[in-house]
Amino acid sequence: MKKVVAERYRDVDFSRAKRGPVVTPAPGKTKISIRVDNSVLEYFRAQVDKAGGGNYQTLINDALLEHVHRRSTLDAVRQVVREELAPYGTARGSHSTLQRTRSARR
């Protein structure tokens, strides 16, 4: 059996070639490599199949963005509640103050 080997140097002129990706990424996007559970990947791929097409990576990105925005909203609400309750001495970590108040009542 004859071994097929690519020619070492073909008649290809790379003098005007540029290094880097062929397709430039969209602004505000960064290409990374992460490891996710197979079940997560299967879920998002199934969602794309059920929708009749699309990109599972976009769905993962959207889910992550939703989580980030939900967490930041929740943190903002918690901060407002803490600030509003602070004058009443019910701020976080004031458990000992609450215990002293209860024991003084007894």
C-alpha atoms as a PDB file:
ATOM      1  CA  MET A   1       0.000   0.000   0.000  1.00  0.00           C
ATOM      2  CA  LYS A   2       1.365   3.361  -1.015  1.00  0.00           C
ATOM      3  CA  LYS A   3       1.508   6.002   1.709  1.00  0.00           C
ATOM      4  CA  VAL A   4      -0.090   9.279   0.693  1.00  0.00           C
ATOM      5  CA  VAL A   5       1.812  12.326   1.891  1.00  0.00           C
ATOM      6  CA  ALA A   6       0.984  15.959   1.238  1.00  0.00           C
ATOM      7  CA  GLU A   7       3.517  17.847  -0.786  1.00  0.00           C
ATOM      8  CA  ARG A   8       5.862  19.716   1.478  1.00  0.00           C
ATOM      9  CA  TYR A   9       5.766  23.013  -0.410  1.00  0.00           C
ATOM     10  CA  ARG A  10       3.044  23.576  -2.949  1.00  0.00           C
ATOM     11  CA  ASP A  11       2.773  26.515  -5.248  1.00  0.00           C
ATOM     12  CA  VAL A  12       0.907  28.567  -2.620  1.00  0.00           C
ATOM     13  CA  ASP A  13       1.957  32.157  -2.119  1.00  0.00           C
ATOM     14  CA  PHE A  14       1.583  33.165   1.539  1.00  0.00           C
ATOM     15  CA  SER A  15       3.410  36.478   1.125  1.00  0.00           C
ATOM     16  CA  ARG A  16       0.163  38.481   1.502  1.00  0.00           C
ATOM     17  CA  ALA A  17      -1.357  36.246   4.190  1.00  0.00           C
ATOM     18  CA  LYS A  18      -2.309  37.617   7.593  1.00  0.00           C
ATOM     19  CA  ARG A  19      -2.206  35.833  10.920  1.00  0.00           C
ATOM     20  CA  GLY A  20      -5.304  35.551  13.035  1.00  0.00           C
ATOM     21  CA  PRO A  21      -8.845  34.302  12.768  1.00  0.00           C
ATOM     22  CA  VAL A  22     -10.545  34.121   9.410  1.00  0.00           C
ATOM     23  CA  VAL A  23     -13.775  35.477  10.887  1.00  0.00           C
ATOM     24  CA  THR A  24     -13.384  38.394  13.253  1.00  0.00           C
ATOM     25  CA  PRO A  25     -15.410  38.096  16.472  1.00  0.00           C
ATOM     26  CA  ALA A  26     -18.332  40.406  17.159  1.00  0.00           C
ATOM     27  CA  PRO A  27     -17.457  43.418  19.309  1.00  0.00           C
ATOM     28  CA  GLY A  28     -17.973  42.725  23.002  1.00  0.00           C
ATOM     29  CA  LYS A  29     -17.541  38.979  22.580  1.00  0.00           C
ATOM     30  CA  THR A  30     -14.577  36.860  23.632  1.00  0.00           C
ATOM     31  CA  LYS A  31     -13.904  33.335  22.496  1.00  0.00           C
ATOM     32  CA  ILE A  32     -13.153  31.017  25.415  1.00  0.00           C
ATOM     33  CA  SER A  33     -13.063  27.328  26.103  1.00  0.00           C
ATOM     34  CA  ILE A  34     -14.949  26.004  29.134  1.00  0.00           C
ATOM     35  CA  ARG A  35     -15.998  22.622  30.407  1.00  0.00           C
ATOM     36  CA  VAL A  36     -19.685  22.049  31.060  1.00  0.00           C
ATOM     37  CA  ASP A  37     -21.563  18.954  32.156  1.00  0.00           C
ATOM     38  CA  ASN A  38     -22.806  16.765  29.331  1.00  0.00           C
ATOM     39  CA  SER A  39     -26.350  17.139  30.626  1.00  0.00           C
ATOM     40  CA  VAL A  40     -26.113  20.940  30.325  1.00  0.00           C
ATOM     41  CA  LEU A  41     -24.836  20.729  26.770  1.00  0.00           C
ATOM     42  CA  GLU A  42     -27.479  18.159  25.821  1.00  0.00           C
ATOM     43  CA  TYR A  43     -30.211  20.369  27.294  1.00  0.00           C
ATOM     44  CA  PHE A  44     -29.236  23.436  25.251  1.00  0.00           C
ATOM     45  CA  ARG A  45     -28.706  21.429  22.068  1.00  0.00           C
ATOM     46  CA  ALA A  46     -32.138  19.850  22.549  1.00  0.00           C
ATOM     47  CA  GLN A  47     -33.659  23.320  22.961  1.00  0.00           C
ATOM     48  CA  VAL A  48     -32.138  24.361  19.640  1.00  0.00           C
ATOM     49  CA  ASP A  49     -33.416  21.195  17.937  1.00  0.00           C
ATOM     50  CA  LYS A  50     -36.893  21.721  19.400  1.00  0.00           C
ATOM     51  CA  ALA A  51     -36.906  25.306  18.101  1.00  0.00           C
ATOM     52  CA  GLY A  52     -35.993  24.095  14.631  1.00  0.00           C
ATOM     53  CA  GLY A  53     -32.474  25.495  14.571  1.00  0.00           C
ATOM     54  CA  GLY A  54     -30.258  28.119  16.048  1.00  0.00           C
ATOM     55  CA  ASN A  55     -27.111  28.217  18.090  1.00  0.00           C
ATOM     56  CA  TYR A  56     -26.847  26.448  21.440  1.00  0.00           C
ATOM     57  CA  GLN A  57     -23.948  28.694  22.434  1.00  0.00           C
ATOM     58  CA  THR A  58     -26.198  31.740  22.118  1.00  0.00           C
ATOM     59  CA  LEU A  59     -28.741  30.052  24.390  1.00  0.00           C
ATOM     60  CA  ILE A  60     -26.053  29.347  26.987  1.00  0.00           C
ATOM     61  CA  ASN A  61     -24.895  32.986  26.776  1.00  0.00           C
ATOM     62  CA  ASP A  62     -28.486  34.222  27.196  1.00  0.00           C
ATOM     63  CA  ALA A  63     -29.005  31.973  30.233  1.00  0.00           C
ATOM     64  CA  LEU A  64     -25.807  33.276  31.830  1.00  0.00           C
ATOM     65  CA  LEU A  65     -26.794  36.899  31.155  1.00  0.00           C
ATOM     66  CA  GLU A  66     -30.222  36.308  32.680  1.00  0.00           C
ATOM     67  CA  HIS A  67     -28.595  34.851  35.792  1.00  0.00           C
ATOM     68  CA  VAL A  68     -26.212  37.802  36.105  1.00  0.00           C
ATOM     69  CA  HIS A  69     -29.009  40.356  35.753  1.00  0.00           C
ATOM     70  CA  ARG A  70     -31.277  38.494  38.172  1.00  0.00           C
ATOM     71  CA  ARG A  71     -28.504  38.284  40.769  1.00  0.00           C
ATOM     72  CA  SER A  72     -27.628  41.962  40.401  1.00  0.00           C
ATOM     73  CA  THR A  73     -31.290  42.945  40.803  1.00  0.00           C
ATOM     74  CA  LEU A  74     -31.613  40.750  43.874  1.00  0.00           C
ATOM     75  CA  ASP A  75     -28.447  42.246  45.359  1.00  0.00           C
ATOM     76  CA  ALA A  76     -29.767  45.762  44.727  1.00  0.00           C
ATOM     77  CA  VAL A  77     -33.059  44.959  46.476  1.00  0.00           C
ATOM     78  CA  ARG A  78     -31.212  43.459  49.426  1.00  0.00           C
ATOM     79  CA  GLN A  79     -29.044  46.569  49.710  1.00  0.00           C
ATOM     80  CA  VAL A  80     -32.072  48.884  49.705  1.00  0.00           C
ATOM     81  CA  VAL A  81     -33.803  46.791  52.372  1.00  0.00           C
ATOM     82  CA  ARG A  82     -30.664  46.831  54.547  1.00  0.00           C
ATOM     83  CA  GLU A  83     -30.356  50.602  54.200  1.00  0.00           C
ATOM     84  CA  GLU A  84     -34.020  51.110  55.063  1.00  0.00           C
ATOM     85  CA  LEU A  85     -33.841  48.814  58.108  1.00  0.00           C
ATOM     86  CA  ALA A  86     -30.543  50.192  59.417  1.00  0.00           C
ATOM     87  CA  PRO A  87     -32.148  52.985  61.527  1.00  0.00           C
ATOM     88  CA  TYR A  88     -34.177  50.319  63.340  1.00  0.00           C
ATOM     89  CA  GLY A  89     -31.079  48.323  64.311  1.00  0.00           C
ATOM     90  CA  THR A  90     -32.076  45.289  62.319  1.00  0.00           C
ATOM     91  CA  ALA A  91     -29.122  45.360  60.001  1.00  0.00           C
ATOM     92  CA  ARG A  92     -27.340  42.151  59.173  1.00  0.00           C
ATOM     93  CA  GLY A  93     -25.132  40.884  61.954  1.00  0.00           C
ATOM     94  CA  SER A  94     -27.170  42.533  64.712  1.00  0.00           C
ATOM     95  CA  HIS A  95     -28.357  39.215  66.099  1.00  0.00           C
ATOM     96  CA  SER A  96     -26.634  39.924  69.404  1.00  0.00           C
ATOM     97  CA  THR A  97     -28.462  43.273  69.669  1.00  0.00           C
ATOM     98  CA  LEU A  98     -31.751  41.473  69.128  1.00  0.00           C
ATOM     99  CA  GLN A  99     -30.892  38.915  71.812  1.00  0.00           C
ATOM    100  CA  ARG A 100     -29.975  41.688  74.298  1.00  0.00           C
ATOM    101  CA  THR A 101     -33.305  43.426  73.598  1.00  0.00           C
ATOM    102  CA  ARG A 102     -35.224  40.191  74.187  1.00  0.00           C
ATOM    103  CA  SER A 103     -33.369  39.379  77.410  1.00  0.00           C
ATOM    104  CA  ALA A 104     -33.969  42.913  78.740  1.00  0.00           C
ATOM    105  CA  ARG A 105     -37.695  42.435  78.245  1.00  0.00           C
ATOM    106  CA  ARG A 106     -37.783  39.295  80.383  1.00  0.00           C
END
